[in-house]
Amino acid sequence: MAKKRSVNPHVLGILLVITDSFFFSLMSLFVRLAGDVPTLQKAFFRNFIAAIISLILLAGSKEKFKIRKGSLPYLFARAIFGGSGLILNFYAIDHIGLADSNILNKMSPFFAIVASIFVLGEIPNKVEILTVVVAFIGAIFVVHPTAGVASLPALLGLCSGLGAGIAYTFVRKLGNRGERGSVIVAFFSCFTCLMCLPSILLDFHPMTAAQWGCLIAAGTVACVAQFAITAAYRFAPAKEISVFDYSQVLFASLWGLLFFSEVPDGWSILGAVIIISMAVFKWYYTVIRPKKTEGAAS
């Protein structure tokens, strides 16, 4: 009888990261397709669905809604920076190309390296500093700073990556403290809804059935993406598979071309290539190079 072959955890982790990227790119598409709905209203409904699902999961868990002692300040920090980054990302999605808004948001891993100095006390080595500097140069090409006022949405898109990078650093801080992932997701989703709620109450924009459908779809696919990325890092370390998250830019470029006839210009393409190249180089330096060294030594 043939021996049953098991799935390689590393391969499964990569497939889950790509799945996460696919569904997050769909979220960007649905946010754009929702049309002239205010940014804060879009952000509210995107997080409302995630809040409901995560609260249901917590209610069915053994520890219920218990938060570990000392976690609350870090939960607030993660929610404030993450919520601000998400809102800025949604604004960028509505005002620049899907591919550009996605690649600027994907500056978050590089901003996380800088944030880790202050939040985690982790000092980056020379290679990590180099990747941050070169990736930032790539972001400058995408932003087009010489465009003057027209570059404001792109600059805000870059700031969305900054917010996300700092938020991910606090997620790691919470993980090191043993806080549950479901608590982190629920707190972030509920807090972001509260951030957006005053705008909803004061100036609610009536929506068509199609716009309701797009925002419900955005929240749903974002939940699927969140579950996929959470599962991915159970199968393989983040440093080994996170580079594949940049496939989101490829998916977003495809949706931009198919639905909005968006073709990135040469500067944006150059900037994207630089940023993704730095991510791949960092992955090679952190993961592949040490394995080759160990193999040669043995």
Protein backbone atom coordinates (compact mmCIF):
# COMPACT_ATOMS: atom_id res chain seq x y z
CA MET A 1 0.00 0.00 0.00
CA ALA A 2 1.41 3.39 -1.04
CA LYS A 3 2.39 5.72 1.76
CA LYS A 4 0.17 8.76 2.03
CA ARG A 5 2.07 11.95 1.22
CA SER A 6 1.62 14.85 3.63
CA VAL A 7 1.46 18.46 2.51
CA ASN A 8 4.65 20.44 3.09
CA PRO A 9 3.79 23.05 5.81
CA HIS A 10 6.05 25.62 4.13
CA VAL A 11 4.23 25.19 0.78
CA LEU A 12 0.85 25.35 2.53
CA GLY A 13 1.92 28.56 4.26
CA ILE A 14 2.89 30.12 0.92
CA LEU A 15 -0.43 29.10 -0.65
CA LEU A 16 -2.34 30.64 2.25
CA VAL A 17 -0.38 33.91 1.96
CA ILE A 18 -1.19 34.09 -1.75
CA THR A 19 -4.84 33.36 -0.89
CA ASP A 20 -4.75 36.21 1.62
CA SER A 21 -3.28 38.52 -1.02
CA PHE A 22 -5.95 37.55 -3.55
CA PHE A 23 -8.82 38.31 -1.18
CA PHE A 24 -7.29 41.56 0.09
CA SER A 25 -6.90 42.68 -3.53
CA LEU A 26 -10.61 41.87 -4.01
CA MET A 27 -11.33 44.05 -0.97
CA SER A 28 -9.58 46.95 -2.71
CA LEU A 29 -11.61 46.30 -5.85
CA PHE A 30 -14.95 46.28 -4.00
CA VAL A 31 -14.00 49.45 -2.09
CA ARG A 32 -13.34 51.22 -5.40
CA LEU A 33 -16.50 49.79 -7.00
CA ALA A 34 -18.57 51.20 -4.12
CA GLY A 35 -18.12 54.55 -5.82
CA ASP A 36 -18.74 57.93 -4.17
CA VAL A 37 -19.46 56.59 -0.67
CA PRO A 38 -17.38 58.59 1.88
CA THR A 39 -14.13 56.94 2.93
CA LEU A 40 -15.08 56.69 6.62
CA GLN A 41 -18.38 55.06 5.70
CA LYS A 42 -16.56 52.47 3.61
CA ALA A 43 -14.12 51.79 6.45
CA PHE A 44 -17.00 51.37 8.92
CA PHE A 45 -18.79 48.69 6.93
CA ARG A 46 -15.54 46.90 6.05
CA ASN A 47 -14.78 46.50 9.76
CA PHE A 48 -18.35 45.97 10.98
CA ILE A 49 -18.54 42.51 9.41
CA ALA A 50 -15.12 41.56 10.80
CA ALA A 51 -16.23 42.78 14.24
CA ILE A 52 -19.39 40.65 14.20
CA ILE A 53 -17.55 37.49 13.11
CA SER A 54 -14.68 37.91 15.58
CA LEU A 55 -17.05 38.65 18.48
CA ILE A 56 -19.05 35.50 17.67
CA LEU A 57 -15.82 33.47 17.68
CA LEU A 58 -14.78 34.97 21.01
CA ALA A 59 -18.21 34.28 22.52
CA GLY A 60 -17.81 30.62 21.63
CA SER A 61 -14.26 30.34 22.97
CA LYS A 62 -13.24 29.03 26.38
CA GLU A 63 -11.82 32.35 27.64
CA LYS A 64 -14.66 34.42 26.10
CA PHE A 65 -13.74 38.14 26.01
CA LYS A 66 -10.90 37.99 28.51
CA ILE A 67 -7.94 40.28 27.76
CA ARG A 68 -4.56 39.40 29.23
CA LYS A 69 -3.23 41.71 31.93
CA GLY A 70 -1.15 44.56 30.52
CA SER A 71 -2.35 44.08 26.92
CA LEU A 72 -4.85 46.96 26.82
CA PRO A 73 -2.39 49.81 26.03
CA TYR A 74 -0.90 47.80 23.15
CA LEU A 75 -4.37 46.89 21.86
CA PHE A 76 -5.27 50.58 21.75
CA ALA A 77 -1.99 51.43 19.98
CA ARG A 78 -2.52 48.65 17.42
CA ALA A 79 -6.10 49.82 16.82
CA ILE A 80 -5.27 53.53 16.50
CA PHE A 81 -2.39 53.08 14.05
CA GLY A 82 -4.07 50.21 12.19
CA GLY A 83 -7.40 52.01 11.91
CA SER A 84 -5.74 55.21 10.70
CA GLY A 85 -3.71 53.24 8.16
CA LEU A 86 -6.83 51.46 6.88
CA ILE A 87 -8.76 54.72 6.44
CA LEU A 88 -5.85 56.32 4.57
CA ASN A 89 -5.53 53.21 2.41
CA PHE A 90 -9.21 53.41 1.47
CA TYR A 91 -8.77 57.09 0.58
CA ALA A 92 -5.81 56.23 -1.64
CA ILE A 93 -7.74 53.39 -3.32
CA ASP A 94 -10.42 55.91 -4.34
CA HIS A 95 -7.99 58.50 -5.70
CA ILE A 96 -5.05 56.68 -7.32
CA GLY A 97 -4.63 53.41 -9.21
CA LEU A 98 -5.30 50.13 -7.44
CA ALA A 99 -1.76 48.90 -8.07
CA ASP A 100 -0.19 52.13 -6.75
CA SER A 101 -2.34 52.22 -3.60
CA ASN A 102 -1.52 48.57 -2.88
CA ILE A 103 2.23 48.89 -3.36
CA LEU A 104 2.37 51.99 -1.14
CA ASN A 105 0.46 50.16 1.57
CA LYS A 106 2.94 47.29 1.18
CA MET A 107 5.68 49.58 2.48
CA SER A 108 4.41 48.45 5.88
CA PRO A 109 7.06 45.71 6.44
CA PHE A 110 9.83 48.27 5.98
CA PHE A 111 8.16 50.78 8.32
CA ALA A 112 7.76 47.91 10.80
CA ILE A 113 11.56 47.50 10.90
CA VAL A 114 11.88 51.14 11.99
CA ALA A 115 8.97 50.92 14.45
CA SER A 116 10.49 47.80 16.02
CA ILE A 117 13.41 49.92 17.28
CA PHE A 118 11.09 51.92 19.54
CA VAL A 119 8.36 49.37 20.33
CA LEU A 120 10.36 46.14 20.64
CA GLY A 121 13.89 47.42 21.19
CA GLU A 122 15.10 45.50 18.11
CA ILE A 123 18.01 47.22 16.38
CA PRO A 124 18.09 46.51 12.61
CA ASN A 125 21.32 45.37 11.00
CA LYS A 126 22.98 47.12 8.06
CA VAL A 127 21.14 45.02 5.46
CA GLU A 128 17.74 45.81 7.00
CA ILE A 129 18.57 49.52 7.07
CA LEU A 130 19.62 49.31 3.41
CA THR A 131 16.34 47.65 2.40
CA VAL A 132 14.35 50.39 4.17
CA VAL A 133 16.26 53.17 2.42
CA VAL A 134 16.07 51.63 -1.06
CA ALA A 135 12.38 50.67 -0.63
CA PHE A 136 11.63 54.26 0.38
CA ILE A 137 13.33 55.44 -2.82
CA GLY A 138 11.03 53.07 -4.70
CA ALA A 139 8.04 54.60 -2.92
CA ILE A 140 9.16 58.06 -4.07
CA PHE A 141 8.91 56.89 -7.70
CA VAL A 142 5.37 55.63 -7.08
CA VAL A 143 4.31 58.82 -5.25
CA HIS A 144 5.61 61.19 -7.98
CA PRO A 145 6.44 64.07 -5.57
CA THR A 146 7.04 66.45 -8.49
CA ALA A 147 3.32 66.25 -9.28
CA GLY A 148 2.64 68.78 -6.51
CA VAL A 149 -0.88 68.79 -5.12
CA ALA A 150 -1.82 65.82 -7.31
CA SER A 151 0.54 63.65 -5.26
CA LEU A 152 -1.41 64.15 -2.00
CA PRO A 153 -3.46 60.90 -2.33
CA ALA A 154 -0.25 58.98 -3.01
CA LEU A 155 1.45 60.53 0.03
CA LEU A 156 -1.55 59.53 2.14
CA GLY A 157 -1.27 56.04 0.62
CA LEU A 158 2.34 55.95 1.80
CA CYS A 159 1.18 57.05 5.26
CA SER A 160 -1.25 54.12 5.23
CA GLY A 161 1.78 51.83 4.96
CA LEU A 162 3.36 53.68 7.90
CA GLY A 163 0.25 53.16 10.03
CA ALA A 164 0.02 49.49 9.07
CA GLY A 165 3.73 48.92 9.78
CA ILE A 166 3.48 50.39 13.28
CA ALA A 167 0.26 48.42 13.90
CA TYR A 168 1.93 45.14 12.87
CA THR A 169 4.73 45.89 15.33
CA PHE A 170 2.21 46.14 18.16
CA VAL A 171 0.56 42.93 16.92
CA ARG A 172 3.92 41.22 17.37
CA LYS A 173 4.28 42.82 20.81
CA LEU A 174 0.88 41.42 21.78
CA GLY A 175 1.77 38.02 20.33
CA ASN A 176 4.94 37.93 22.41
CA ARG A 177 2.78 38.60 25.47
CA GLY A 178 0.54 35.64 24.60
CA GLU A 179 -2.55 37.63 23.59
CA ARG A 180 -5.05 35.72 21.45
CA GLY A 181 -5.34 36.59 17.77
CA SER A 182 -9.14 36.69 17.96
CA VAL A 183 -8.94 39.33 20.70
CA ILE A 184 -6.59 41.46 18.61
CA VAL A 185 -8.84 41.25 15.52
CA ALA A 186 -12.04 41.92 17.50
CA PHE A 187 -10.57 44.90 19.38
CA PHE A 188 -9.19 46.42 16.18
CA SER A 189 -12.43 45.93 14.23
CA CYS A 190 -14.66 47.35 16.98
CA PHE A 191 -12.33 50.29 17.65
CA THR A 192 -12.15 51.21 13.95
CA CYS A 193 -15.96 51.11 13.74
CA LEU A 194 -16.10 53.53 16.69
CA MET A 195 -13.54 55.80 14.97
CA CYS A 196 -15.81 56.03 11.94
CA LEU A 197 -19.16 56.11 13.76
CA PRO A 198 -19.38 59.90 14.42
CA SER A 199 -19.01 60.58 10.70
CA ILE A 200 -21.70 57.97 9.92
CA LEU A 201 -24.14 59.49 12.42
CA LEU A 202 -23.56 63.10 11.35
CA ASP A 203 -23.35 62.61 7.58
CA PHE A 204 -24.61 59.23 6.43
CA HIS A 205 -24.46 58.86 2.66
CA PRO A 206 -27.50 56.92 1.34
CA MET A 207 -26.32 53.92 -0.66
CA THR A 208 -27.73 52.03 -3.59
CA ALA A 209 -28.24 48.27 -3.49
CA ALA A 210 -25.06 47.87 -5.56
CA GLN A 211 -23.03 49.96 -3.09
CA TRP A 212 -24.38 47.97 -0.14
CA GLY A 213 -23.42 44.81 -1.98
CA CYS A 214 -19.89 46.07 -2.68
CA LEU A 215 -19.22 47.06 0.94
CA ILE A 216 -20.66 43.82 2.33
CA ALA A 217 -18.49 41.95 -0.17
CA ALA A 218 -15.44 44.04 0.87
CA GLY A 219 -15.97 43.15 4.52
CA THR A 220 -16.54 39.49 3.74
CA VAL A 221 -13.45 38.97 1.58
CA ALA A 222 -11.38 40.93 4.10
CA CYS A 223 -12.47 38.44 6.78
CA VAL A 224 -11.48 35.52 4.55
CA ALA A 225 -8.10 37.18 3.97
CA GLN A 226 -7.60 37.71 7.71
CA PHE A 227 -8.31 34.06 8.49
CA ALA A 228 -5.99 32.96 5.67
CA ILE A 229 -3.05 35.06 6.86
CA THR A 230 -3.59 33.96 10.48
CA ALA A 231 -3.52 30.31 9.39
CA ALA A 232 -0.49 30.87 7.14
CA TYR A 233 1.75 31.93 10.01
CA ARG A 234 0.83 28.80 11.93
CA PHE A 235 2.43 26.69 9.20
CA ALA A 236 5.58 28.73 8.50
CA PRO A 237 7.49 31.66 10.04
CA ALA A 238 6.56 35.12 8.75
CA LYS A 239 10.14 35.84 7.66
CA GLU A 240 10.01 32.85 5.27
CA ILE A 241 6.67 33.50 3.56
CA SER A 242 5.73 37.18 3.97
CA VAL A 243 7.43 38.14 0.70
CA PHE A 244 4.69 36.28 -1.18
CA ASP A 245 2.20 38.80 0.20
CA TYR A 246 3.43 41.13 -2.55
CA SER A 247 1.41 39.04 -5.01
CA GLN A 248 -1.43 41.33 -3.90
CA VAL A 249 0.07 44.04 -6.09
CA LEU A 250 -0.15 41.75 -9.14
CA PHE A 251 -3.79 40.91 -8.41
CA ALA A 252 -4.61 44.59 -7.85
CA SER A 253 -2.92 45.52 -11.13
CA LEU A 254 -5.09 42.95 -12.92
CA TRP A 255 -8.33 44.30 -11.38
CA GLY A 256 -7.27 47.87 -12.20
CA LEU A 257 -6.67 46.93 -15.83
CA LEU A 258 -9.85 44.85 -16.25
CA PHE A 259 -12.31 47.09 -14.41
CA PHE A 260 -10.88 50.61 -14.71
CA SER A 261 -8.48 50.39 -17.69
CA GLU A 262 -5.63 51.48 -15.41
CA VAL A 263 -2.16 51.07 -16.86
CA PRO A 264 0.64 52.08 -14.42
CA ASP A 265 3.15 54.53 -15.88
CA GLY A 266 6.87 53.82 -16.13
CA TRP A 267 7.78 55.54 -12.85
CA SER A 268 5.15 53.58 -10.90
CA ILE A 269 6.34 50.31 -12.43
CA LEU A 270 9.96 51.16 -11.57
CA GLY A 271 8.99 52.01 -7.99
CA ALA A 272 7.03 48.78 -7.61
CA VAL A 273 9.93 46.73 -8.98
CA ILE A 274 12.34 48.38 -6.50
CA ILE A 275 10.05 47.79 -3.49
CA ILE A 276 9.29 44.16 -4.39
CA SER A 277 12.98 43.52 -5.19
CA MET A 278 13.95 44.74 -1.72
CA ALA A 279 11.33 42.43 -0.16
CA VAL A 280 12.68 39.45 -2.14
CA PHE A 281 16.28 40.37 -1.29
CA LYS A 282 15.46 40.63 2.42
CA TRP A 283 13.72 37.24 2.24
CA TYR A 284 16.77 35.73 0.50
CA TYR A 285 19.19 37.26 2.99
CA THR A 286 17.13 36.19 6.02
CA VAL A 287 16.01 32.73 4.92
CA ILE A 288 17.82 31.26 1.90
CA ARG A 289 21.36 32.52 2.52
CA PRO A 290 21.65 31.07 6.07
CA LYS A 291 20.40 27.68 4.83
CA LYS A 292 23.01 27.64 2.07
CA THR A 293 25.71 28.57 4.57
CA GLU A 294 24.62 25.77 6.92
CA GLY A 295 24.59 23.29 4.02
CA ALA A 296 28.09 24.25 2.94
CA ALA A 297 29.38 23.96 6.51
CA SER A 298 27.99 20.47 6.92
